[in-house]
């Protein structure tokens, strides 16, 4: 079984990746809207290409965060079962007994 600190780090990582994924989703939506608007009003302009570049960046970041989150969840689900002995003092056995 994984140590408790490793389990907490995994939970923190999942929580943070969910927040980051939400932020990147908002960025993708914002830059998609901006690219659409500038493409409609000023097709081929520098602003349109900048919006498309930022859309591509945020899409890549969103895909990366989603992939990491998926891998963390998959690794979390395949943890081995805990088969350790109970935590109690082991009494020595006597040869005569």
N, C-alpha and C. Protein backbone atom coordinates (compact mmCIF):
# COMPACT_ATOMS: atom_id res chain seq x y z
N UNK A 1 0.85 -1.19 0.00
CA UNK A 1 0.00 0.00 0.00
C UNK A 1 0.88 1.23 0.00
N UNK A 2 0.41 2.28 -0.65
CA UNK A 2 1.17 3.52 -0.74
C UNK A 2 1.18 4.21 0.62
N UNK A 3 2.28 4.87 0.94
CA UNK A 3 2.32 5.62 2.19
C UNK A 3 1.26 6.71 2.21
N UNK A 4 0.90 7.13 3.43
CA UNK A 4 -0.16 8.11 3.58
C UNK A 4 0.19 9.43 2.91
N UNK A 5 1.46 9.83 3.00
CA UNK A 5 1.88 11.09 2.38
C UNK A 5 1.71 11.03 0.87
N UNK A 6 2.00 9.88 0.27
CA UNK A 6 1.84 9.74 -1.18
C UNK A 6 0.37 9.81 -1.56
N UNK A 7 -0.48 9.24 -0.74
CA UNK A 7 -1.92 9.28 -1.00
C UNK A 7 -2.44 10.72 -0.93
N UNK A 8 -1.95 11.48 0.05
CA UNK A 8 -2.36 12.88 0.17
C UNK A 8 -1.87 13.69 -1.02
N UNK A 9 -0.65 13.42 -1.47
CA UNK A 9 -0.12 14.13 -2.63
C UNK A 9 -0.96 13.82 -3.86
N UNK A 10 -1.40 12.57 -3.99
CA UNK A 10 -2.23 12.19 -5.12
C UNK A 10 -3.57 12.92 -5.07
N UNK A 11 -4.16 13.00 -3.89
CA UNK A 11 -5.44 13.71 -3.76
C UNK A 11 -5.27 15.20 -4.06
N UNK A 12 -4.16 15.78 -3.59
CA UNK A 12 -3.91 17.19 -3.88
C UNK A 12 -3.71 17.41 -5.37
N UNK A 13 -2.98 16.49 -5.99
CA UNK A 13 -2.72 16.62 -7.43
C UNK A 13 -4.02 16.54 -8.22
N UNK A 14 -4.89 15.62 -7.85
CA UNK A 14 -6.17 15.48 -8.54
C UNK A 14 -7.01 16.74 -8.36
N UNK A 15 -7.05 17.26 -7.14
CA UNK A 15 -7.82 18.47 -6.87
C UNK A 15 -7.28 19.65 -7.67
N UNK A 16 -5.96 19.79 -7.68
CA UNK A 16 -5.36 20.91 -8.41
C UNK A 16 -5.56 20.75 -9.92
N UNK A 17 -5.42 19.54 -10.43
CA UNK A 17 -5.63 19.32 -11.85
C UNK A 17 -7.07 19.61 -12.27
N UNK A 18 -8.02 19.33 -11.40
CA UNK A 18 -9.42 19.66 -11.71
C UNK A 18 -9.61 21.17 -11.81
N UNK A 19 -8.98 21.92 -10.86
CA UNK A 19 -9.08 23.38 -10.91
C UNK A 19 -8.42 23.93 -12.16
N UNK A 20 -7.24 23.41 -12.48
CA UNK A 20 -6.51 23.89 -13.65
C UNK A 20 -7.27 23.54 -14.92
N UNK A 21 -7.86 22.36 -14.94
CA UNK A 21 -8.65 21.96 -16.12
C UNK A 21 -9.83 22.89 -16.33
N UNK A 22 -10.48 23.31 -15.25
CA UNK A 22 -11.58 24.27 -15.35
C UNK A 22 -11.08 25.60 -15.90
N UNK A 23 -9.93 26.05 -15.41
CA UNK A 23 -9.35 27.31 -15.89
C UNK A 23 -9.01 27.21 -17.38
N UNK A 24 -8.41 26.11 -17.80
CA UNK A 24 -8.05 25.94 -19.20
C UNK A 24 -9.29 25.82 -20.09
N UNK A 25 -10.34 25.21 -19.58
CA UNK A 25 -11.59 25.14 -20.34
C UNK A 25 -12.15 26.54 -20.56
N UNK A 26 -12.11 27.36 -19.52
CA UNK A 26 -12.57 28.75 -19.67
C UNK A 26 -11.69 29.49 -20.68
N UNK A 27 -10.38 29.24 -20.66
CA UNK A 27 -9.48 29.87 -21.62
C UNK A 27 -9.77 29.44 -23.04
N UNK A 28 -10.05 28.15 -23.22
CA UNK A 28 -10.38 27.65 -24.57
C UNK A 28 -11.66 28.31 -25.06
N UNK A 29 -12.66 28.40 -24.21
CA UNK A 29 -13.92 29.03 -24.62
C UNK A 29 -13.73 30.51 -24.94
N UNK A 30 -12.96 31.21 -24.10
CA UNK A 30 -12.71 32.63 -24.32
C UNK A 30 -11.98 32.85 -25.65
N UNK A 31 -10.91 32.10 -25.88
CA UNK A 31 -10.13 32.33 -27.10
C UNK A 31 -10.83 31.81 -28.34
N UNK A 32 -11.71 30.82 -28.19
CA UNK A 32 -12.51 30.39 -29.34
C UNK A 32 -13.49 31.49 -29.73
N UNK A 33 -14.10 32.11 -28.71
CA UNK A 33 -15.02 33.22 -29.00
C UNK A 33 -14.27 34.40 -29.60
N UNK A 34 -13.08 34.70 -29.04
CA UNK A 34 -12.30 35.83 -29.56
C UNK A 34 -11.83 35.56 -30.99
N UNK A 35 -11.39 34.34 -31.26
CA UNK A 35 -10.93 34.00 -32.62
C UNK A 35 -12.09 34.05 -33.60
N UNK A 36 -13.25 33.59 -33.18
CA UNK A 36 -14.42 33.63 -34.06
C UNK A 36 -14.82 35.08 -34.34
N UNK A 37 -14.84 35.90 -33.29
CA UNK A 37 -15.24 37.30 -33.46
C UNK A 37 -14.27 38.05 -34.36
N UNK A 38 -12.96 37.91 -34.07
CA UNK A 38 -11.99 38.64 -34.88
C UNK A 38 -11.91 38.08 -36.30
N UNK A 39 -12.13 36.78 -36.44
CA UNK A 39 -12.17 36.20 -37.77
C UNK A 39 -13.35 36.70 -38.57
N UNK A 40 -14.44 37.00 -37.90
CA UNK A 40 -15.65 37.50 -38.56
C UNK A 40 -15.49 38.97 -38.94
N UNK A 41 -14.96 39.75 -37.98
CA UNK A 41 -14.86 41.19 -38.22
C UNK A 41 -13.62 41.59 -39.01
N UNK A 42 -12.50 40.93 -38.76
CA UNK A 42 -11.24 41.26 -39.43
C UNK A 42 -10.54 39.98 -39.88
N UNK A 43 -11.03 39.34 -40.91
CA UNK A 43 -10.43 38.07 -41.34
C UNK A 43 -8.98 38.26 -41.79
N UNK A 44 -8.12 37.36 -41.32
CA UNK A 44 -6.72 37.40 -41.72
C UNK A 44 -5.88 38.43 -40.99
N UNK A 45 -6.43 39.07 -39.97
CA UNK A 45 -5.69 40.10 -39.25
C UNK A 45 -4.74 39.47 -38.23
N UNK A 46 -3.85 40.30 -37.73
CA UNK A 46 -2.89 39.86 -36.72
C UNK A 46 -3.61 39.43 -35.43
N UNK A 47 -4.67 40.16 -35.08
CA UNK A 47 -5.44 39.83 -33.87
C UNK A 47 -6.09 38.45 -34.00
N UNK A 48 -6.58 38.12 -35.18
CA UNK A 48 -7.20 36.82 -35.39
C UNK A 48 -6.16 35.71 -35.22
N UNK A 49 -4.96 35.89 -35.79
CA UNK A 49 -3.93 34.87 -35.67
C UNK A 49 -3.43 34.74 -34.23
N UNK A 50 -3.37 35.85 -33.51
CA UNK A 50 -2.97 35.79 -32.10
C UNK A 50 -4.02 35.04 -31.29
N UNK A 51 -5.29 35.29 -31.58
CA UNK A 51 -6.37 34.57 -30.89
C UNK A 51 -6.32 33.08 -31.20
N UNK A 52 -6.06 32.74 -32.45
CA UNK A 52 -5.95 31.33 -32.82
C UNK A 52 -4.75 30.66 -32.16
N UNK A 53 -3.64 31.41 -32.05
CA UNK A 53 -2.46 30.86 -31.37
C UNK A 53 -2.76 30.59 -29.90
N UNK A 54 -3.38 31.55 -29.23
CA UNK A 54 -3.73 31.35 -27.82
C UNK A 54 -4.78 30.26 -27.65
N UNK A 55 -5.68 30.12 -28.61
CA UNK A 55 -6.64 29.02 -28.58
C UNK A 55 -5.91 27.69 -28.66
N UNK A 56 -4.92 27.60 -29.54
CA UNK A 56 -4.14 26.35 -29.67
C UNK A 56 -3.35 26.06 -28.40
N UNK A 57 -2.78 27.10 -27.78
CA UNK A 57 -2.02 26.91 -26.54
C UNK A 57 -2.93 26.40 -25.43
N UNK A 58 -4.07 27.04 -25.24
CA UNK A 58 -4.98 26.62 -24.17
C UNK A 58 -5.58 25.24 -24.45
N UNK A 59 -5.80 24.92 -25.72
CA UNK A 59 -6.29 23.59 -26.06
C UNK A 59 -5.25 22.52 -25.71
N UNK A 60 -4.00 22.81 -26.02
CA UNK A 60 -2.92 21.88 -25.66
C UNK A 60 -2.78 21.72 -24.16
N UNK A 61 -2.86 22.82 -23.41
CA UNK A 61 -2.79 22.74 -21.95
C UNK A 61 -3.97 21.97 -21.37
N UNK A 62 -5.15 22.19 -21.93
CA UNK A 62 -6.34 21.46 -21.47
C UNK A 62 -6.19 19.96 -21.75
N UNK A 63 -5.69 19.62 -22.92
CA UNK A 63 -5.51 18.20 -23.25
C UNK A 63 -4.48 17.56 -22.32
N UNK A 64 -3.40 18.27 -22.04
CA UNK A 64 -2.36 17.74 -21.16
C UNK A 64 -2.90 17.55 -19.74
N UNK A 65 -3.59 18.54 -19.21
CA UNK A 65 -4.15 18.43 -17.85
C UNK A 65 -5.18 17.29 -17.78
N UNK A 66 -6.00 17.15 -18.82
CA UNK A 66 -6.99 16.07 -18.83
C UNK A 66 -6.32 14.70 -18.88
N UNK A 67 -5.25 14.60 -19.67
CA UNK A 67 -4.52 13.34 -19.76
C UNK A 67 -3.88 12.98 -18.43
N UNK A 68 -3.25 13.94 -17.76
CA UNK A 68 -2.64 13.68 -16.46
C UNK A 68 -3.69 13.29 -15.43
N UNK A 69 -4.83 13.96 -15.45
CA UNK A 69 -5.90 13.64 -14.52
C UNK A 69 -6.41 12.22 -14.77
N UNK A 70 -6.55 11.86 -16.03
CA UNK A 70 -7.00 10.51 -16.38
C UNK A 70 -5.99 9.46 -15.90
N UNK A 71 -4.71 9.74 -16.08
CA UNK A 71 -3.67 8.80 -15.64
C UNK A 71 -3.63 8.68 -14.13
N UNK A 72 -3.80 9.79 -13.41
CA UNK A 72 -3.81 9.73 -11.95
C UNK A 72 -5.00 8.92 -11.44
N UNK A 73 -6.14 9.11 -12.06
CA UNK A 73 -7.33 8.35 -11.65
C UNK A 73 -7.16 6.87 -11.97
N UNK A 74 -6.55 6.55 -13.10
CA UNK A 74 -6.33 5.15 -13.47
C UNK A 74 -5.34 4.50 -12.53
N UNK A 75 -4.29 5.21 -12.15
CA UNK A 75 -3.30 4.67 -11.22
C UNK A 75 -3.90 4.51 -9.83
N UNK A 76 -4.79 5.41 -9.46
CA UNK A 76 -5.44 5.34 -8.15
C UNK A 76 -6.37 4.13 -8.07
N UNK A 77 -7.01 3.79 -9.16
CA UNK A 77 -7.94 2.67 -9.18
C UNK A 77 -7.27 1.31 -9.17
N UNK A 78 -5.97 1.25 -9.53
CA UNK A 78 -5.27 -0.03 -9.61
C UNK A 78 -4.31 -0.24 -8.46
N UNK A 79 -4.60 0.35 -7.32
CA UNK A 79 -3.74 0.16 -6.16
C UNK A 79 -3.88 -1.28 -5.67
N UNK A 80 -2.79 -1.89 -5.27
CA UNK A 80 -2.89 -3.25 -4.75
C UNK A 80 -3.61 -3.27 -3.40
N UNK A 81 -4.22 -4.39 -3.12
CA UNK A 81 -4.94 -4.55 -1.86
C UNK A 81 -3.94 -4.57 -0.71
N UNK A 82 -4.37 -4.13 0.45
CA UNK A 82 -3.51 -4.08 1.62
C UNK A 82 -3.59 -5.42 2.34
N UNK A 83 -2.48 -6.13 2.34
CA UNK A 83 -2.44 -7.45 2.97
C UNK A 83 -1.40 -7.52 4.06
N UNK A 84 -1.09 -6.42 4.68
CA UNK A 84 -0.06 -6.41 5.72
C UNK A 84 -0.62 -6.97 7.01
N UNK A 85 0.28 -7.43 7.85
CA UNK A 85 -0.11 -7.96 9.15
C UNK A 85 -0.61 -6.82 10.03
N UNK A 86 -1.48 -7.13 10.98
CA UNK A 86 -1.97 -6.08 11.88
C UNK A 86 -0.82 -5.48 12.69
N UNK A 87 -1.01 -4.23 13.11
CA UNK A 87 0.04 -3.56 13.88
C UNK A 87 -0.09 -3.91 15.35
N UNK A 88 0.58 -4.95 15.75
CA UNK A 88 0.63 -5.34 17.17
C UNK A 88 2.01 -5.90 17.44
N UNK A 89 2.36 -5.91 18.68
CA UNK A 89 3.68 -6.41 19.04
C UNK A 89 3.75 -7.91 18.76
N UNK A 90 4.86 -8.32 18.20
CA UNK A 90 5.06 -9.73 17.91
C UNK A 90 5.78 -10.35 19.09
N UNK A 91 5.14 -11.33 19.69
CA UNK A 91 5.78 -11.99 20.84
C UNK A 91 6.68 -13.11 20.32
N UNK A 92 7.87 -13.23 20.90
CA UNK A 92 8.78 -14.28 20.44
C UNK A 92 8.24 -15.66 20.83
N UNK A 93 8.44 -16.60 19.95
CA UNK A 93 8.02 -17.99 20.26
C UNK A 93 9.17 -18.72 20.93
N UNK A 94 8.80 -19.48 21.92
CA UNK A 94 9.80 -20.26 22.63
C UNK A 94 9.96 -21.61 21.96
N UNK A 95 11.15 -22.08 21.97
CA UNK A 95 11.43 -23.36 21.34
C UNK A 95 10.74 -24.49 22.10
N UNK A 96 10.58 -24.35 23.40
CA UNK A 96 9.98 -25.40 24.23
C UNK A 96 8.48 -25.45 24.11
N UNK A 97 7.88 -24.45 23.67
CA UNK A 97 6.42 -24.40 23.69
C UNK A 97 5.79 -25.21 22.64
